[in-house]
Amino acid sequence: MREASARLGQRNEVARALNENHLSICKYKSQDAASYRAVVSRFEATMEEIRNKSRAEAVAQSLQAVAQVNTNAPSPSLEDRLASLKNK
């Protein structure tokens, strides 16, 4: 099999040869098959990468929103902050 036919063209894509054909890849003999474990392991790693990227993007968006709020609003003086604490 040509390697190019197994690639999706993604930037971080990892292609590995499996000792299988199309039919045996679609329906493995068991969950203990080496090729099955290799594919499942790669899916799990990819999902973890997606989760981590989503978390990082969420944190970045939150930090960006906080930074924008802080730059748009005038910072209260120390006296104003102390007064607001006394009123609580």
N, C-alpha and C. Protein backbone atom coordinates (compact mmCIF):
# COMPACT_ATOMS: atom_id res chain seq x y z
N MET A 1 0.85 -1.18 0.00
CA MET A 1 0.00 0.00 0.00
C MET A 1 0.89 1.24 0.00
N ARG A 2 0.50 2.19 -0.75
CA ARG A 2 1.26 3.44 -0.78
C ARG A 2 0.94 4.25 0.47
N GLU A 3 1.97 4.84 1.06
CA GLU A 3 1.80 5.62 2.28
C GLU A 3 0.88 6.82 2.06
N ALA A 4 0.99 7.46 0.90
CA ALA A 4 0.18 8.65 0.63
C ALA A 4 -1.32 8.35 0.68
N SER A 5 -1.70 7.15 0.33
CA SER A 5 -3.14 6.83 0.34
C SER A 5 -3.69 6.71 1.75
N ALA A 6 -2.82 6.60 2.75
CA ALA A 6 -3.26 6.46 4.14
C ALA A 6 -3.21 7.78 4.89
N ARG A 7 -2.81 8.84 4.25
CA ARG A 7 -2.66 10.13 4.93
C ARG A 7 -3.86 11.04 4.68
N LEU A 8 -4.16 11.86 5.70
CA LEU A 8 -5.23 12.86 5.59
C LEU A 8 -4.69 14.24 5.24
N GLY A 9 -3.38 14.43 5.43
CA GLY A 9 -2.77 15.72 5.12
C GLY A 9 -2.82 16.72 6.26
N GLN A 10 -3.03 16.24 7.48
CA GLN A 10 -3.06 17.13 8.64
C GLN A 10 -1.64 17.48 9.06
N ARG A 11 -1.48 18.66 9.66
CA ARG A 11 -0.15 19.17 10.02
C ARG A 11 0.59 18.23 10.97
N ASN A 12 -0.05 17.78 12.03
CA ASN A 12 0.61 16.94 13.04
C ASN A 12 0.30 15.45 12.85
N GLU A 13 -0.08 15.10 11.67
CA GLU A 13 -0.48 13.72 11.41
C GLU A 13 0.67 12.74 11.59
N VAL A 14 0.35 11.60 12.16
CA VAL A 14 1.32 10.52 12.34
C VAL A 14 0.79 9.31 11.58
N ALA A 15 1.55 8.84 10.61
CA ALA A 15 1.14 7.66 9.83
C ALA A 15 2.00 6.48 10.27
N ARG A 16 1.33 5.37 10.53
CA ARG A 16 2.04 4.15 10.90
C ARG A 16 1.49 3.00 10.07
N ALA A 17 2.39 2.15 9.68
CA ALA A 17 1.97 0.98 8.90
C ALA A 17 1.33 -0.06 9.83
N LEU A 18 0.24 -0.65 9.38
CA LEU A 18 -0.41 -1.74 10.10
C LEU A 18 -0.36 -2.98 9.22
N ASN A 19 -0.15 -4.10 9.83
CA ASN A 19 -0.10 -5.35 9.08
C ASN A 19 -1.52 -5.86 8.88
N GLU A 20 -2.33 -5.06 8.20
CA GLU A 20 -3.76 -5.35 8.02
C GLU A 20 -4.17 -4.89 6.63
N ASN A 21 -5.36 -5.31 6.21
CA ASN A 21 -5.95 -4.80 4.98
C ASN A 21 -7.21 -4.01 5.35
N HIS A 22 -7.86 -3.41 4.38
CA HIS A 22 -9.03 -2.57 4.66
C HIS A 22 -10.11 -3.33 5.43
N LEU A 23 -10.37 -4.56 5.04
CA LEU A 23 -11.41 -5.34 5.69
C LEU A 23 -11.08 -5.62 7.15
N SER A 24 -9.85 -6.03 7.41
CA SER A 24 -9.49 -6.37 8.80
C SER A 24 -9.35 -5.13 9.67
N ILE A 25 -9.12 -3.96 9.08
CA ILE A 25 -9.07 -2.73 9.86
C ILE A 25 -10.50 -2.29 10.23
N CYS A 26 -11.45 -2.57 9.38
CA CYS A 26 -12.84 -2.19 9.66
C CYS A 26 -13.48 -3.09 10.72
N LYS A 27 -13.00 -4.32 10.81
CA LYS A 27 -13.56 -5.25 11.80
C LYS A 27 -12.43 -6.12 12.33
N TYR A 28 -11.90 -5.71 13.47
CA TYR A 28 -10.80 -6.46 14.07
C TYR A 28 -11.30 -7.78 14.65
N LYS A 29 -10.39 -8.74 14.74
CA LYS A 29 -10.75 -10.05 15.31
C LYS A 29 -11.09 -9.93 16.78
N SER A 30 -10.37 -9.07 17.50
CA SER A 30 -10.66 -8.87 18.92
C SER A 30 -10.08 -7.53 19.37
N GLN A 31 -10.45 -7.13 20.57
CA GLN A 31 -9.91 -5.90 21.14
C GLN A 31 -8.47 -6.10 21.61
N ASP A 32 -8.01 -7.32 21.60
CA ASP A 32 -6.63 -7.61 21.99
C ASP A 32 -5.67 -7.59 20.81
N ALA A 33 -6.20 -7.44 19.60
CA ALA A 33 -5.35 -7.42 18.40
C ALA A 33 -4.42 -6.21 18.46
N ALA A 34 -3.16 -6.42 18.10
CA ALA A 34 -2.16 -5.35 18.17
C ALA A 34 -2.56 -4.14 17.34
N SER A 35 -3.08 -4.36 16.15
CA SER A 35 -3.49 -3.24 15.30
C SER A 35 -4.65 -2.48 15.91
N TYR A 36 -5.59 -3.20 16.52
CA TYR A 36 -6.73 -2.55 17.18
C TYR A 36 -6.22 -1.64 18.30
N ARG A 37 -5.33 -2.17 19.14
CA ARG A 37 -4.79 -1.40 20.26
C ARG A 37 -4.04 -0.17 19.74
N ALA A 38 -3.29 -0.31 18.64
CA ALA A 38 -2.54 0.81 18.07
C ALA A 38 -3.49 1.92 17.61
N VAL A 39 -4.55 1.54 16.93
CA VAL A 39 -5.52 2.53 16.43
C VAL A 39 -6.26 3.19 17.59
N VAL A 40 -6.73 2.41 18.54
CA VAL A 40 -7.46 2.97 19.69
C VAL A 40 -6.55 3.89 20.49
N SER A 41 -5.31 3.49 20.68
CA SER A 41 -4.35 4.32 21.41
C SER A 41 -4.16 5.67 20.72
N ARG A 42 -4.07 5.65 19.40
CA ARG A 42 -3.90 6.91 18.65
C ARG A 42 -5.15 7.78 18.75
N PHE A 43 -6.34 7.15 18.67
CA PHE A 43 -7.58 7.91 18.84
C PHE A 43 -7.63 8.57 20.21
N GLU A 44 -7.26 7.82 21.24
CA GLU A 44 -7.28 8.36 22.60
C GLU A 44 -6.30 9.52 22.75
N ALA A 45 -5.12 9.38 22.17
CA ALA A 45 -4.13 10.47 22.23
C ALA A 45 -4.62 11.70 21.49
N THR A 46 -5.26 11.49 20.35
CA THR A 46 -5.80 12.61 19.57
C THR A 46 -6.90 13.32 20.35
N MET A 47 -7.79 12.56 20.98
CA MET A 47 -8.86 13.17 21.78
C MET A 47 -8.28 13.97 22.95
N GLU A 48 -7.24 13.47 23.57
CA GLU A 48 -6.60 14.20 24.68
C GLU A 48 -5.99 15.51 24.17
N GLU A 49 -5.37 15.46 23.00
CA GLU A 49 -4.82 16.68 22.40
C GLU A 49 -5.93 17.70 22.14
N ILE A 50 -7.06 17.24 21.64
CA ILE A 50 -8.20 18.13 21.38
C ILE A 50 -8.71 18.73 22.68
N ARG A 51 -8.87 17.89 23.71
CA ARG A 51 -9.32 18.40 25.02
C ARG A 51 -8.36 19.44 25.58
N ASN A 52 -7.06 19.16 25.51
CA ASN A 52 -6.07 20.10 26.03
C ASN A 52 -6.09 21.41 25.26
N LYS A 53 -6.24 21.33 23.94
CA LYS A 53 -6.30 22.54 23.13
C LYS A 53 -7.54 23.34 23.47
N SER A 54 -8.68 22.65 23.66
CA SER A 54 -9.92 23.34 24.02
C SER A 54 -9.79 24.03 25.36
N ARG A 55 -9.17 23.34 26.33
CA ARG A 55 -8.96 23.96 27.66
C ARG A 55 -8.06 25.18 27.54
N ALA A 56 -6.98 25.05 26.79
CA ALA A 56 -6.04 26.16 26.63
C ALA A 56 -6.71 27.35 25.94
N GLU A 57 -7.54 27.08 24.94
CA GLU A 57 -8.25 28.16 24.26
C GLU A 57 -9.25 28.82 25.20
N ALA A 58 -9.92 28.04 26.03
CA ALA A 58 -10.88 28.60 26.98
C ALA A 58 -10.18 29.49 28.00
N VAL A 59 -9.04 29.05 28.49
CA VAL A 59 -8.28 29.86 29.45
C VAL A 59 -7.81 31.14 28.78
N ALA A 60 -7.31 31.03 27.56
CA ALA A 60 -6.83 32.22 26.84
C ALA A 60 -7.96 33.21 26.62
N GLN A 61 -9.15 32.71 26.26
CA GLN A 61 -10.30 33.60 26.06
C GLN A 61 -10.69 34.28 27.37
N SER A 62 -10.67 33.53 28.47
CA SER A 62 -11.00 34.11 29.77
C SER A 62 -10.01 35.20 30.15
N LEU A 63 -8.73 34.90 29.96
CA LEU A 63 -7.71 35.89 30.29
C LEU A 63 -7.83 37.13 29.41
N GLN A 64 -8.16 36.90 28.16
CA GLN A 64 -8.34 38.01 27.23
C GLN A 64 -9.53 38.87 27.66
N ALA A 65 -10.62 38.23 28.08
CA ALA A 65 -11.80 38.98 28.53
C ALA A 65 -11.49 39.77 29.79
N VAL A 66 -10.76 39.15 30.72
CA VAL A 66 -10.38 39.85 31.95
C VAL A 66 -9.49 41.04 31.63
N ALA A 67 -8.54 40.85 30.74
CA ALA A 67 -7.63 41.94 30.37
C ALA A 67 -8.40 43.08 29.73
N GLN A 68 -9.39 42.74 28.91
CA GLN A 68 -10.17 43.78 28.25
C GLN A 68 -11.01 44.55 29.26
N VAL A 69 -11.62 43.84 30.20
CA VAL A 69 -12.41 44.50 31.24
C VAL A 69 -11.52 45.43 32.04
N ASN A 70 -10.33 44.96 32.40
CA ASN A 70 -9.41 45.77 33.21
C ASN A 70 -8.91 46.99 32.46
N THR A 71 -8.76 46.92 31.15
CA THR A 71 -8.27 48.07 30.40
C THR A 71 -9.38 49.05 30.07
N ASN A 72 -10.62 48.60 30.02
CA ASN A 72 -11.73 49.48 29.67
C ASN A 72 -12.25 50.27 30.87
N ALA A 73 -12.16 49.70 32.04
CA ALA A 73 -12.70 50.36 33.22
C ALA A 73 -11.57 51.04 33.98
N PRO A 74 -11.83 52.25 34.47
CA PRO A 74 -10.80 52.90 35.28
C PRO A 74 -10.59 52.12 36.57
N SER A 75 -9.36 52.04 36.97
CA SER A 75 -9.03 51.33 38.20
C SER A 75 -9.45 52.17 39.40
N PRO A 76 -10.20 51.59 40.36
CA PRO A 76 -10.62 52.37 41.52
C PRO A 76 -9.41 52.71 42.40
N SER A 77 -9.50 53.82 43.05
CA SER A 77 -8.41 54.22 43.93
C SER A 77 -8.39 53.32 45.16
N LEU A 78 -7.30 53.37 45.88
CA LEU A 78 -7.17 52.58 47.09
C LEU A 78 -8.25 52.98 48.09
N GLU A 79 -8.52 54.26 48.18
CA GLU A 79 -9.56 54.74 49.10
C GLU A 79 -10.93 54.18 48.74
N ASP A 80 -11.23 54.16 47.45
CA ASP A 80 -12.53 53.62 47.00
C ASP A 80 -12.64 52.13 47.33
N ARG A 81 -11.54 51.39 47.12
CA ARG A 81 -11.56 49.95 47.42
C ARG A 81 -11.74 49.71 48.92
N LEU A 82 -11.05 50.50 49.75
CA LEU A 82 -11.20 50.35 51.20
C LEU A 82 -12.62 50.70 51.63
N ALA A 83 -13.18 51.73 51.03
CA ALA A 83 -14.54 52.13 51.38
C ALA A 83 -15.53 51.05 51.00
N SER A 84 -15.33 50.40 49.86
CA SER A 84 -16.26 49.34 49.44
C SER A 84 -16.15 48.14 50.37
N LEU A 85 -14.96 47.87 50.90
CA LEU A 85 -14.79 46.77 51.85
C LEU A 85 -15.49 47.08 53.17
N LYS A 86 -15.46 48.34 53.61
CA LYS A 86 -16.12 48.73 54.86
C LYS A 86 -17.63 48.61 54.75
N ASN A 87 -18.15 48.82 53.56
CA ASN A 87 -19.60 48.77 53.34
C ASN A 87 -20.15 47.36 53.26
N LYS A 88 -19.28 46.38 53.19
CA LYS A 88 -19.75 44.98 53.06
C LYS A 88 -20.11 44.37 54.36
